[in-house]
Amino acid sequence: MLKNILLLPVLIGLASCAFDKNAGNDNAKEVEERQAQLAAFSPVIGTYSGYLTRASGRQDVQLRLFTLEERSGTNSNGESRYRVVLRGTYDRINPAGSLFNFEARYIPETGALILTNISSDLALDDIHTINAEIRGQRIVGEAKSISGPVGQVDLQLSSNSSNTGGGEREDEYYDRLRRQYQAIAGTYAGDNVVDGKTTFSFKIKLEVVDSYVNSKVVPAIVGTFTRDDAPENMAVTLNLTVIYRPDLNPPRLSIKGTPQSSTVAYTATFEGVLVEGVYTGSWSSTRRNHEGTFNLTKQP
């Protein structure tokens, strides 16, 4: 019995040494893997600027490639292990658009770069995948949406830094968006036409306002719809919310109208294109399936 008691500390010490050795091996292996990953990604880290060429035209875009740490199991001591992964952010500069975050796979042997959008809420024409090739300081490839090919990407390294800028980048996006909205703000006037005949004239006034989303000041376009022929006792004015899509060719303007007064008993939808200060399209309401077509000109 005494012999066993004397052996116990020795065995515990040996086991401790074994765990220490395993932990040391794990750490050395992790360091080696990280060095290999960083060496593989280092040549492509940076900011790339250029174009996405779609059927609707050319868009100014920017792609930043950078590394992040991703948890990869535990070592023999139960400590978290981490591996280096490649990530990307895709900025739509002009026309302005919110950025996309991408998971990235880079294959140094072939120069292949595969980017996939991590957003769970993509529109049909939003970029889901970019299959590209890194050629020196250029990234060339094809962008695809969940509904098919979108266009060709051609980017050139513009900075070796991939500094994402945090909140500054978001502020830059909102500044670009505000300028884009301000360019179309104003009063648009014209006639309502049914079966080739003018039935009345109306105006749509658009303005840029600040809204608040998650404590951030975000620009938005709102407006009002008024009929020139409306008598004083006829409440027809609508408040408008606007979706502007300058990334389409031609740029599209979709407007929803809701009652400004409790005495107004209808809502409306305006759909059309906005080209060089002329808004052309058609509209419908809950009073009539089709109210008419219009050609509204921005007033000086």
C-alpha atoms as a PDB file:
ATOM      1  CA  MET A   1       0.000   0.000   0.000  1.00  0.00           C
ATOM      2  CA  LEU A   2       2.803   2.397   0.952  1.00  0.00           C
ATOM      3  CA  LYS A   3       4.540   1.576  -2.308  1.00  0.00           C
ATOM      4  CA  ASN A   4       1.448   2.544  -4.288  1.00  0.00           C
ATOM      5  CA  ILE A   5       1.143   5.804  -2.387  1.00  0.00           C
ATOM      6  CA  LEU A   6       4.755   6.646  -3.159  1.00  0.00           C
ATOM      7  CA  LEU A   7       4.281   5.865  -6.853  1.00  0.00           C
ATOM      8  CA  LEU A   8       1.187   8.060  -7.218  1.00  0.00           C
ATOM      9  CA  PRO A   9       2.979  11.463  -7.290  1.00  0.00           C
ATOM     10  CA  VAL A  10       5.451  10.061  -9.786  1.00  0.00           C
ATOM     11  CA  LEU A  11       2.668   8.928 -12.100  1.00  0.00           C
ATOM     12  CA  ILE A  12       0.890  12.276 -11.798  1.00  0.00           C
ATOM     13  CA  GLY A  13       4.121  14.049 -12.640  1.00  0.00           C
ATOM     14  CA  LEU A  14       4.686  11.869 -15.680  1.00  0.00           C
ATOM     15  CA  ALA A  15       1.119  12.467 -16.877  1.00  0.00           C
ATOM     16  CA  SER A  16       1.580  16.215 -16.395  1.00  0.00           C
ATOM     17  CA  CYS A  17       4.746  16.111 -18.452  1.00  0.00           C
ATOM     18  CA  ALA A  18       2.904  14.211 -21.168  1.00  0.00           C
ATOM     19  CA  PHE A  19       0.122  16.817 -21.286  1.00  0.00           C
ATOM     20  CA  ASP A  20       2.683  19.617 -21.347  1.00  0.00           C
ATOM     21  CA  LYS A  21       4.421  17.904 -24.239  1.00  0.00           C
ATOM     22  CA  ASN A  22       1.147  17.450 -26.131  1.00  0.00           C
ATOM     23  CA  ALA A  23       0.243  21.084 -25.571  1.00  0.00           C
ATOM     24  CA  GLY A  24       3.656  22.145 -26.804  1.00  0.00           C
ATOM     25  CA  ASN A  25       3.246  20.017 -29.927  1.00  0.00           C
ATOM     26  CA  ASP A  26      -0.214  21.468 -30.506  1.00  0.00           C
ATOM     27  CA  ASN A  27       1.064  25.021 -30.163  1.00  0.00           C
ATOM     28  CA  ALA A  28       3.967  24.368 -32.524  1.00  0.00           C
ATOM     29  CA  LYS A  29       1.623  22.830 -35.097  1.00  0.00           C
ATOM     30  CA  GLU A  30      -0.805  25.736 -34.796  1.00  0.00           C
ATOM     31  CA  VAL A  31       1.982  28.286 -35.227  1.00  0.00           C
ATOM     32  CA  GLU A  32       3.233  26.419 -38.312  1.00  0.00           C
ATOM     33  CA  GLU A  33      -0.260  26.309 -39.821  1.00  0.00           C
ATOM     34  CA  ARG A  34      -0.845  30.007 -39.144  1.00  0.00           C
ATOM     35  CA  GLN A  35       2.443  30.982 -40.720  1.00  0.00           C
ATOM     36  CA  ALA A  36       1.576  28.959 -43.815  1.00  0.00           C
ATOM     37  CA  GLN A  37      -1.881  30.543 -44.025  1.00  0.00           C
ATOM     38  CA  LEU A  38      -0.556  34.081 -43.590  1.00  0.00           C
ATOM     39  CA  ALA A  39       2.140  33.453 -46.203  1.00  0.00           C
ATOM     40  CA  ALA A  40      -0.491  32.213 -48.668  1.00  0.00           C
ATOM     41  CA  PHE A  41      -2.854  35.168 -48.132  1.00  0.00           C
ATOM     42  CA  SER A  42      -0.291  37.964 -47.765  1.00  0.00           C
ATOM     43  CA  PRO A  43       0.257  38.528 -51.533  1.00  0.00           C
ATOM     44  CA  VAL A  44      -3.450  39.212 -52.170  1.00  0.00           C
ATOM     45  CA  ILE A  45      -4.331  41.353 -49.121  1.00  0.00           C
ATOM     46  CA  GLY A  46      -5.311  44.881 -50.095  1.00  0.00           C
ATOM     47  CA  THR A  47      -7.911  47.133 -51.685  1.00  0.00           C
ATOM     48  CA  TYR A  48      -8.911  46.646 -55.322  1.00  0.00           C
ATOM     49  CA  SER A  49     -10.837  49.262 -57.295  1.00  0.00           C
ATOM     50  CA  GLY A  50     -12.484  48.982 -60.680  1.00  0.00           C
ATOM     51  CA  TYR A  51     -15.689  48.065 -62.455  1.00  0.00           C
ATOM     52  CA  LEU A  52     -18.553  45.639 -62.627  1.00  0.00           C
ATOM     53  CA  THR A  53     -19.760  45.620 -66.222  1.00  0.00           C
ATOM     54  CA  ARG A  54     -23.393  44.541 -66.492  1.00  0.00           C
ATOM     55  CA  ALA A  55     -25.825  44.552 -69.390  1.00  0.00           C
ATOM     56  CA  SER A  56     -27.249  47.731 -67.822  1.00  0.00           C
ATOM     57  CA  GLY A  57     -23.879  49.481 -67.886  1.00  0.00           C
ATOM     58  CA  ARG A  58     -20.657  49.890 -65.910  1.00  0.00           C
ATOM     59  CA  GLN A  59     -20.599  50.368 -62.139  1.00  0.00           C
ATOM     60  CA  ASP A  60     -17.733  51.607 -59.952  1.00  0.00           C
ATOM     61  CA  VAL A  61     -16.962  49.031 -57.253  1.00  0.00           C
ATOM     62  CA  GLN A  62     -14.288  48.273 -54.674  1.00  0.00           C
ATOM     63  CA  LEU A  63     -13.171  45.013 -53.076  1.00  0.00           C
ATOM     64  CA  ARG A  64     -11.129  44.710 -49.885  1.00  0.00           C
ATOM     65  CA  LEU A  65      -9.403  41.424 -49.042  1.00  0.00           C
ATOM     66  CA  PHE A  66      -8.238  40.866 -45.464  1.00  0.00           C
ATOM     67  CA  THR A  67      -7.759  38.116 -42.898  1.00  0.00           C
ATOM     68  CA  LEU A  68      -9.792  37.177 -39.826  1.00  0.00           C
ATOM     69  CA  GLU A  69      -9.406  34.635 -37.043  1.00  0.00           C
ATOM     70  CA  GLU A  70     -11.804  31.691 -37.027  1.00  0.00           C
ATOM     71  CA  ARG A  71     -12.187  29.192 -34.182  1.00  0.00           C
ATOM     72  CA  SER A  72     -11.016  25.730 -35.187  1.00  0.00           C
ATOM     73  CA  GLY A  73     -11.615  23.278 -32.344  1.00  0.00           C
ATOM     74  CA  THR A  74      -9.530  22.904 -29.179  1.00  0.00           C
ATOM     75  CA  ASN A  75      -6.049  21.656 -28.316  1.00  0.00           C
ATOM     76  CA  SER A  76      -5.084  18.955 -25.800  1.00  0.00           C
ATOM     77  CA  ASN A  77      -5.417  21.478 -22.945  1.00  0.00           C
ATOM     78  CA  GLY A  78      -8.967  22.359 -23.980  1.00  0.00           C
ATOM     79  CA  GLU A  79      -7.886  25.772 -25.240  1.00  0.00           C
ATOM     80  CA  SER A  80      -9.487  27.214 -28.359  1.00  0.00           C
ATOM     81  CA  ARG A  81      -7.523  26.851 -31.561  1.00  0.00           C
ATOM     82  CA  TYR A  82      -7.751  29.476 -34.292  1.00  0.00           C
ATOM     83  CA  ARG A  83      -6.968  29.485 -37.977  1.00  0.00           C
ATOM     84  CA  VAL A  84      -6.474  32.387 -40.361  1.00  0.00           C
ATOM     85  CA  VAL A  85      -9.208  32.822 -42.979  1.00  0.00           C
ATOM     86  CA  LEU A  86      -9.557  35.156 -45.960  1.00  0.00           C
ATOM     87  CA  ARG A  87     -12.547  37.505 -46.112  1.00  0.00           C
ATOM     88  CA  GLY A  88     -13.715  40.291 -48.404  1.00  0.00           C
ATOM     89  CA  THR A  89     -16.005  43.307 -48.444  1.00  0.00           C
ATOM     90  CA  TYR A  90     -17.540  44.531 -51.692  1.00  0.00           C
ATOM     91  CA  ASP A  91     -18.499  48.217 -51.951  1.00  0.00           C
ATOM     92  CA  ARG A  92     -20.830  49.595 -54.609  1.00  0.00           C
ATOM     93  CA  ILE A  93     -19.362  53.076 -55.098  1.00  0.00           C
ATOM     94  CA  ASN A  94     -21.333  54.476 -58.042  1.00  0.00           C
ATOM     95  CA  PRO A  95     -24.261  53.994 -58.082  1.00  0.00           C
ATOM     96  CA  ALA A  96     -24.111  53.958 -54.295  1.00  0.00           C
ATOM     97  CA  GLY A  97     -25.114  50.752 -52.576  1.00  0.00           C
ATOM     98  CA  SER A  98     -24.628  49.073 -49.225  1.00  0.00           C
ATOM     99  CA  LEU A  99     -21.582  46.832 -48.945  1.00  0.00           C
ATOM    100  CA  PHE A 100     -21.585  43.022 -49.078  1.00  0.00           C
ATOM    101  CA  ASN A 101     -19.467  40.756 -46.881  1.00  0.00           C
ATOM    102  CA  PHE A 102     -17.893  37.729 -48.551  1.00  0.00           C
ATOM    103  CA  GLU A 103     -16.233  34.517 -47.490  1.00  0.00           C
ATOM    104  CA  ALA A 104     -13.170  33.978 -49.674  1.00  0.00           C
ATOM    105  CA  ARG A 105     -11.179  31.016 -50.936  1.00  0.00           C
ATOM    106  CA  TYR A 106      -7.826  31.682 -52.575  1.00  0.00           C
ATOM    107  CA  ILE A 107      -5.847  28.926 -54.313  1.00  0.00           C
ATOM    108  CA  PRO A 108      -2.230  30.135 -54.756  1.00  0.00           C
ATOM    109  CA  GLU A 109      -1.328  27.331 -57.164  1.00  0.00           C
ATOM    110  CA  THR A 110      -3.838  28.532 -59.777  1.00  0.00           C
ATOM    111  CA  GLY A 111      -4.558  32.117 -58.676  1.00  0.00           C
ATOM    112  CA  ALA A 112      -8.251  31.245 -58.342  1.00  0.00           C
ATOM    113  CA  LEU A 113     -10.308  33.479 -56.043  1.00  0.00           C
ATOM    114  CA  ILE A 114     -13.815  32.383 -55.027  1.00  0.00           C
ATOM    115  CA  LEU A 115     -16.034  34.797 -53.111  1.00  0.00           C
ATOM    116  CA  THR A 116     -19.478  33.969 -51.699  1.00  0.00           C
ATOM    117  CA  ASN A 117     -21.895  36.454 -50.143  1.00  0.00           C
ATOM    118  CA  ILE A 118     -22.682  35.640 -46.502  1.00  0.00           C
ATOM    119  CA  SER A 119     -25.902  37.686 -46.416  1.00  0.00           C
ATOM    120  CA  SER A 120     -29.067  35.677 -45.839  1.00  0.00           C
ATOM    121  CA  ASP A 121     -31.272  38.328 -47.468  1.00  0.00           C
ATOM    122  CA  LEU A 122     -30.243  38.846 -51.091  1.00  0.00           C
ATOM    123  CA  ALA A 123     -32.339  40.314 -53.885  1.00  0.00           C
ATOM    124  CA  LEU A 124     -32.549  38.390 -57.151  1.00  0.00           C
ATOM    125  CA  ASP A 125     -29.924  40.572 -58.838  1.00  0.00           C
ATOM    126  CA  ASP A 126     -27.594  41.013 -55.834  1.00  0.00           C
ATOM    127  CA  ILE A 127     -24.189  39.382 -56.198  1.00  0.00           C
ATOM    128  CA  HIS A 128     -24.012  35.965 -54.569  1.00  0.00           C
ATOM    129  CA  THR A 129     -20.765  34.585 -56.026  1.00  0.00           C
ATOM    130  CA  ILE A 130     -17.664  35.966 -57.715  1.00  0.00           C
ATOM    131  CA  ASN A 131     -15.509  33.431 -59.575  1.00  0.00           C
ATOM    132  CA  ALA A 132     -12.273  35.236 -60.343  1.00  0.00           C
ATOM    133  CA  GLU A 133      -8.575  34.924 -60.973  1.00  0.00           C
ATOM    134  CA  ILE A 134      -5.807  37.042 -59.484  1.00  0.00           C
ATOM    135  CA  ARG A 135      -3.409  38.125 -62.224  1.00  0.00           C
ATOM    136  CA  GLY A 136      -0.591  40.012 -60.580  1.00  0.00           C
ATOM    137  CA  GLN A 137      -2.303  43.102 -59.175  1.00  0.00           C
ATOM    138  CA  ARG A 138      -5.599  42.530 -61.017  1.00  0.00           C
ATOM    139  CA  ILE A 139      -8.720  40.553 -60.153  1.00  0.00           C
ATOM    140  CA  VAL A 140     -10.709  39.467 -63.192  1.00  0.00           C
ATOM    141  CA  GLY A 141     -13.774  37.260 -63.142  1.00  0.00           C
ATOM    142  CA  GLU A 142     -17.532  36.776 -63.313  1.00  0.00           C
ATOM    143  CA  ALA A 143     -20.163  37.896 -60.812  1.00  0.00           C
ATOM    144  CA  LYS A 144     -23.316  35.819 -60.371  1.00  0.00           C
ATOM    145  CA  SER A 145     -26.610  36.256 -58.561  1.00  0.00           C
ATOM    146  CA  ILE A 146     -28.937  33.534 -57.311  1.00  0.00           C
ATOM    147  CA  SER A 147     -30.814  33.911 -60.597  1.00  0.00           C
ATOM    148  CA  GLY A 148     -27.814  33.743 -62.945  1.00  0.00           C
ATOM    149  CA  PRO A 149     -24.809  35.674 -64.331  1.00  0.00           C
ATOM    150  CA  VAL A 150     -24.653  39.377 -63.446  1.00  0.00           C
ATOM    151  CA  GLY A 151     -21.556  40.696 -65.211  1.00  0.00           C
ATOM    152  CA  GLN A 152     -17.783  40.870 -65.431  1.00  0.00           C
ATOM    153  CA  VAL A 153     -15.535  42.164 -62.651  1.00  0.00           C
ATOM    154  CA  ASP A 154     -12.235  43.880 -63.477  1.00  0.00           C
ATOM    155  CA  LEU A 155     -10.347  45.320 -60.504  1.00  0.00           C
ATOM    156  CA  GLN A 156      -6.874  46.741 -59.995  1.00  0.00           C
ATOM    157  CA  LEU A 157      -4.929  46.867 -56.722  1.00  0.00           C
ATOM    158  CA  SER A 158      -5.241  50.449 -55.464  1.00  0.00           C
ATOM    159  CA  SER A 159      -3.760  50.033 -51.987  1.00  0.00           C
ATOM    160  CA  ASN A 160      -1.799  47.373 -50.122  1.00  0.00           C
ATOM    161  CA  SER A 161      -3.860  48.275 -47.076  1.00  0.00           C
ATOM    162  CA  SER A 162      -7.147  46.490 -46.449  1.00  0.00           C
ATOM    163  CA  ASN A 163      -8.182  48.791 -43.609  1.00  0.00           C
ATOM    164  CA  THR A 164     -11.974  48.552 -43.594  1.00  0.00           C
ATOM    165  CA  GLY A 165     -12.425  51.823 -41.732  1.00  0.00           C
ATOM    166  CA  GLY A 166     -15.214  50.544 -39.483  1.00  0.00           C
ATOM    167  CA  GLY A 167     -17.952  53.140 -39.038  1.00  0.00           C
ATOM    168  CA  GLU A 168     -16.189  55.554 -41.380  1.00  0.00           C
ATOM    169  CA  ARG A 169     -16.979  53.326 -44.352  1.00  0.00           C
ATOM    170  CA  GLU A 170     -20.634  53.248 -43.388  1.00  0.00           C
ATOM    171  CA  ASP A 171     -20.643  57.042 -43.117  1.00  0.00           C
ATOM    172  CA  GLU A 172     -19.014  57.284 -46.557  1.00  0.00           C
ATOM    173  CA  TYR A 173     -21.743  55.048 -47.999  1.00  0.00           C
ATOM    174  CA  TYR A 174     -24.501  57.222 -46.507  1.00  0.00           C
ATOM    175  CA  ASP A 175     -22.793  60.356 -47.862  1.00  0.00           C
ATOM    176  CA  ARG A 176     -22.703  58.834 -51.356  1.00  0.00           C
ATOM    177  CA  LEU A 177     -26.331  57.762 -51.007  1.00  0.00           C
ATOM    178  CA  ARG A 178     -27.389  61.238 -49.899  1.00  0.00           C
ATOM    179  CA  ARG A 179     -25.692  62.867 -52.906  1.00  0.00           C
ATOM    180  CA  GLN A 180     -27.369  60.325 -55.181  1.00  0.00           C
ATOM    181  CA  TYR A 181     -30.787  61.134 -53.714  1.00  0.00           C
ATOM    182  CA  GLN A 182     -30.222  64.893 -53.763  1.00  0.00           C
ATOM    183  CA  ALA A 183     -29.532  64.694 -57.498  1.00  0.00           C
ATOM    184  CA  ILE A 184     -33.118  63.582 -58.166  1.00  0.00           C
ATOM    185  CA  ALA A 185     -34.901  65.600 -55.466  1.00  0.00           C
ATOM    186  CA  GLY A 186     -37.336  68.233 -56.742  1.00  0.00           C
ATOM    187  CA  THR A 187     -40.810  68.674 -58.170  1.00  0.00           C
ATOM    188  CA  TYR A 188     -41.941  66.671 -61.196  1.00  0.00           C
ATOM    189  CA  ALA A 189     -45.028  67.873 -63.062  1.00  0.00           C
ATOM    190  CA  GLY A 190     -47.049  66.521 -65.966  1.00  0.00           C
ATOM    191  CA  ASP A 191     -50.314  65.032 -67.184  1.00  0.00           C
ATOM    192  CA  ASN A 192     -52.236  61.892 -66.416  1.00  0.00           C
ATOM    193  CA  VAL A 193     -53.161  60.147 -69.651  1.00  0.00           C
ATOM    194  CA  VAL A 194     -55.887  57.523 -70.159  1.00  0.00           C
ATOM    195  CA  ASP A 195     -56.468  55.995 -73.601  1.00  0.00           C
ATOM    196  CA  GLY A 196     -54.377  58.726 -75.178  1.00  0.00           C
ATOM    197  CA  LYS A 197     -56.308  61.573 -73.555  1.00  0.00           C
ATOM    198  CA  THR A 198     -55.182  63.910 -70.780  1.00  0.00           C
ATOM    199  CA  THR A 199     -57.538  63.626 -67.799  1.00  0.00           C
ATOM    200  CA  PHE A 200     -55.804  65.909 -65.293  1.00  0.00           C
ATOM    201  CA  SER A 201     -52.387  67.230 -64.276  1.00  0.00           C
ATOM    202  CA  PHE A 202     -50.478  66.294 -61.136  1.00  0.00           C
ATOM    203  CA  LYS A 203     -47.199  66.817 -59.325  1.00  0.00           C
ATOM    204  CA  ILE A 204     -44.822  64.580 -57.433  1.00  0.00           C
ATOM    205  CA  LYS A 205     -42.479  66.393 -55.060  1.00  0.00           C
ATOM    206  CA  LEU A 206     -39.435  64.448 -53.826  1.00  0.00           C
ATOM    207  CA  GLU A 207     -37.146  65.455 -50.968  1.00  0.00           C
ATOM    208  CA  VAL A 208     -34.300  63.932 -48.976  1.00  0.00           C
ATOM    209  CA  VAL A 209     -34.882  63.404 -45.273  1.00  0.00           C
ATOM    210  CA  ASP A 210     -33.018  61.790 -42.396  1.00  0.00           C
ATOM    211  CA  SER A 211     -34.319  58.571 -40.921  1.00  0.00           C
ATOM    212  CA  TYR A 212     -32.888  56.676 -37.974  1.00  0.00           C
ATOM    213  CA  VAL A 213     -31.866  53.034 -38.253  1.00  0.00           C
ATOM    214  CA  ASN A 214     -30.078  51.414 -35.306  1.00  0.00           C
ATOM    215  CA  SER A 215     -29.146  54.870 -33.970  1.00  0.00           C
ATOM    216  CA  LYS A 216     -27.584  55.820 -37.329  1.00  0.00           C
ATOM    217  CA  VAL A 217     -28.738  58.779 -39.436  1.00  0.00           C
ATOM    218  CA  VAL A 218     -29.711  57.300 -42.799  1.00  0.00           C
ATOM    219  CA  PRO A 219     -30.877  59.339 -45.823  1.00  0.00           C
ATOM    220  CA  ALA A 220     -34.198  58.476 -47.426  1.00  0.00           C
ATOM    221  CA  ILE A 221     -36.401  59.889 -50.182  1.00  0.00           C
ATOM    222  CA  VAL A 222     -39.989  60.835 -49.407  1.00  0.00           C
ATOM    223  CA  GLY A 223     -42.511  62.989 -51.206  1.00  0.00           C
ATOM    224  CA  THR A 224     -46.052  64.136 -51.839  1.00  0.00           C
ATOM    225  CA  PHE A 225     -48.556  63.589 -54.644  1.00  0.00           C
ATOM    226  CA  THR A 226     -50.993  66.403 -55.482  1.00  0.00           C
ATOM    227  CA  ARG A 227     -53.551  66.910 -58.248  1.00  0.00           C
ATOM    228  CA  ASP A 228     -53.740  70.348 -59.817  1.00  0.00           C
ATOM    229  CA  ASP A 229     -57.483  70.063 -60.404  1.00  0.00           C
ATOM    230  CA  ALA A 230     -58.466  68.867 -56.932  1.00  0.00           C
ATOM    231  CA  PRO A 231     -61.175  71.060 -55.403  1.00  0.00           C
ATOM    232  CA  GLU A 232     -60.722  72.225 -51.825  1.00  0.00           C
ATOM    233  CA  ASN A 233     -63.181  69.654 -50.485  1.00  0.00           C
ATOM    234  CA  MET A 234     -61.532  66.781 -52.376  1.00  0.00           C
ATOM    235  CA  ALA A 235     -58.725  65.234 -50.304  1.00  0.00           C
ATOM    236  CA  VAL A 236     -56.405  63.392 -52.703  1.00  0.00           C
ATOM    237  CA  THR A 237     -52.926  64.274 -51.444  1.00  0.00           C
ATOM    238  CA  LEU A 238     -50.688  61.285 -50.747  1.00  0.00           C
ATOM    239  CA  ASN A 239     -47.489  60.884 -48.775  1.00  0.00           C
ATOM    240  CA  LEU A 240     -44.876  59.031 -50.790  1.00  0.00           C
ATOM    241  CA  THR A 241     -42.093  56.596 -49.986  1.00  0.00           C
ATOM    242  CA  VAL A 242     -39.548  56.037 -52.739  1.00  0.00           C
ATOM    243  CA  ILE A 243     -37.178  53.327 -53.946  1.00  0.00           C
ATOM    244  CA  TYR A 244     -34.598  54.559 -56.452  1.00  0.00           C
ATOM    245  CA  ARG A 245     -32.564  52.039 -58.464  1.00  0.00           C
ATOM    246  CA  PRO A 246     -29.887  53.898 -60.487  1.00  0.00           C
ATOM    247  CA  ASP A 247     -28.020  50.588 -60.920  1.00  0.00           C
ATOM    248  CA  LEU A 248     -30.643  49.500 -63.450  1.00  0.00           C
ATOM    249  CA  ASN A 249     -30.660  50.680 -67.046  1.00  0.00           C
ATOM    250  CA  PRO A 250     -32.608  52.897 -67.323  1.00  0.00           C
ATOM    251  CA  PRO A 251     -32.744  53.943 -63.643  1.00  0.00           C
ATOM    252  CA  ARG A 252     -36.005  52.871 -62.021  1.00  0.00           C
ATOM    253  CA  LEU A 253     -38.185  54.828 -59.603  1.00  0.00           C
ATOM    254  CA  SER A 254     -40.825  52.949 -57.590  1.00  0.00           C
ATOM    255  CA  ILE A 255     -43.173  54.978 -55.381  1.00  0.00           C
ATOM    256  CA  LYS A 256     -45.811  54.005 -52.818  1.00  0.00           C
ATOM    257  CA  GLY A 257     -48.480  56.538 -51.858  1.00  0.00           C
ATOM    258  CA  THR A 258     -50.448  56.500 -48.603  1.00  0.00           C
ATOM    259  CA  PRO A 259     -53.162  58.924 -47.425  1.00  0.00           C
ATOM    260  CA  GLN A 260     -52.037  62.218 -45.951  1.00  0.00           C
ATOM    261  CA  SER A 261     -55.483  62.762 -44.486  1.00  0.00           C
ATOM    262  CA  SER A 262     -57.860  60.374 -42.720  1.00  0.00           C
ATOM    263  CA  THR A 263     -60.500  61.379 -45.274  1.00  0.00           C
ATOM    264  CA  VAL A 264     -58.469  59.908 -48.137  1.00  0.00           C
ATOM    265  CA  ALA A 265     -59.625  56.360 -48.837  1.00  0.00           C
ATOM    266  CA  TYR A 266     -57.059  55.103 -51.316  1.00  0.00           C
ATOM    267  CA  THR A 267     -53.406  54.167 -51.738  1.00  0.00           C
ATOM    268  CA  ALA A 268     -51.378  54.244 -54.948  1.00  0.00           C
ATOM    269  CA  THR A 269     -48.353  52.720 -56.651  1.00  0.00           C
ATOM    270  CA  PHE A 270     -46.226  54.519 -59.247  1.00  0.00           C
ATOM    271  CA  GLU A 271     -43.751  52.583 -61.393  1.00  0.00           C
ATOM    272  CA  GLY A 272     -41.461  54.095 -63.998  1.00  0.00           C
ATOM    273  CA  VAL A 273     -38.021  55.093 -65.183  1.00  0.00           C
ATOM    274  CA  LEU A 274     -36.149  58.320 -64.501  1.00  0.00           C
ATOM    275  CA  VAL A 275     -33.949  59.567 -67.325  1.00  0.00           C
ATOM    276  CA  GLU A 276     -32.396  63.044 -67.442  1.00  0.00           C
ATOM    277  CA  GLY A 277     -35.050  64.650 -65.264  1.00  0.00           C
ATOM    278  CA  VAL A 278     -38.064  62.947 -66.880  1.00  0.00           C
ATOM    279  CA  TYR A 279     -40.106  60.395 -64.913  1.00  0.00           C
ATOM    280  CA  THR A 280     -42.103  58.174 -67.266  1.00  0.00           C
ATOM    281  CA  GLY A 281     -44.385  55.325 -66.266  1.00  0.00           C
ATOM    282  CA  SER A 282     -47.844  54.319 -65.088  1.00  0.00           C
ATOM    283  CA  TRP A 283     -49.723  54.163 -61.818  1.00  0.00           C
ATOM    284  CA  SER A 284     -52.553  52.331 -60.161  1.00  0.00           C
ATOM    285  CA  SER A 285     -54.574  52.751 -56.988  1.00  0.00           C
ATOM    286  CA  THR A 286     -56.964  50.880 -54.756  1.00  0.00           C
ATOM    287  CA  ARG A 287     -59.761  52.894 -56.403  1.00  0.00           C
ATOM    288  CA  ARG A 288     -58.826  51.760 -59.904  1.00  0.00           C
ATOM    289  CA  ASN A 289     -56.563  49.010 -61.123  1.00  0.00           C
ATOM    290  CA  HIS A 290     -55.076  51.419 -63.669  1.00  0.00           C
ATOM    291  CA  GLU A 291     -55.183  55.179 -63.126  1.00  0.00           C
ATOM    292  CA  GLY A 292     -53.167  56.157 -66.203  1.00  0.00           C
ATOM    293  CA  THR A 293     -49.754  56.795 -67.671  1.00  0.00           C
ATOM    294  CA  PHE A 294     -47.587  59.840 -67.086  1.00  0.00           C
ATOM    295  CA  ASN A 295     -44.599  61.776 -68.331  1.00  0.00           C
ATOM    296  CA  LEU A 296     -43.416  64.104 -65.575  1.00  0.00           C
ATOM    297  CA  THR A 297     -40.658  66.671 -66.061  1.00  0.00           C
ATOM    298  CA  LYS A 298     -38.484  67.977 -63.244  1.00  0.00           C
ATOM    299  CA  GLN A 299     -39.223  71.649 -62.694  1.00  0.00           C
ATOM    300  CA  PRO A 300     -36.420  74.236 -62.623  1.00  0.00           C
END
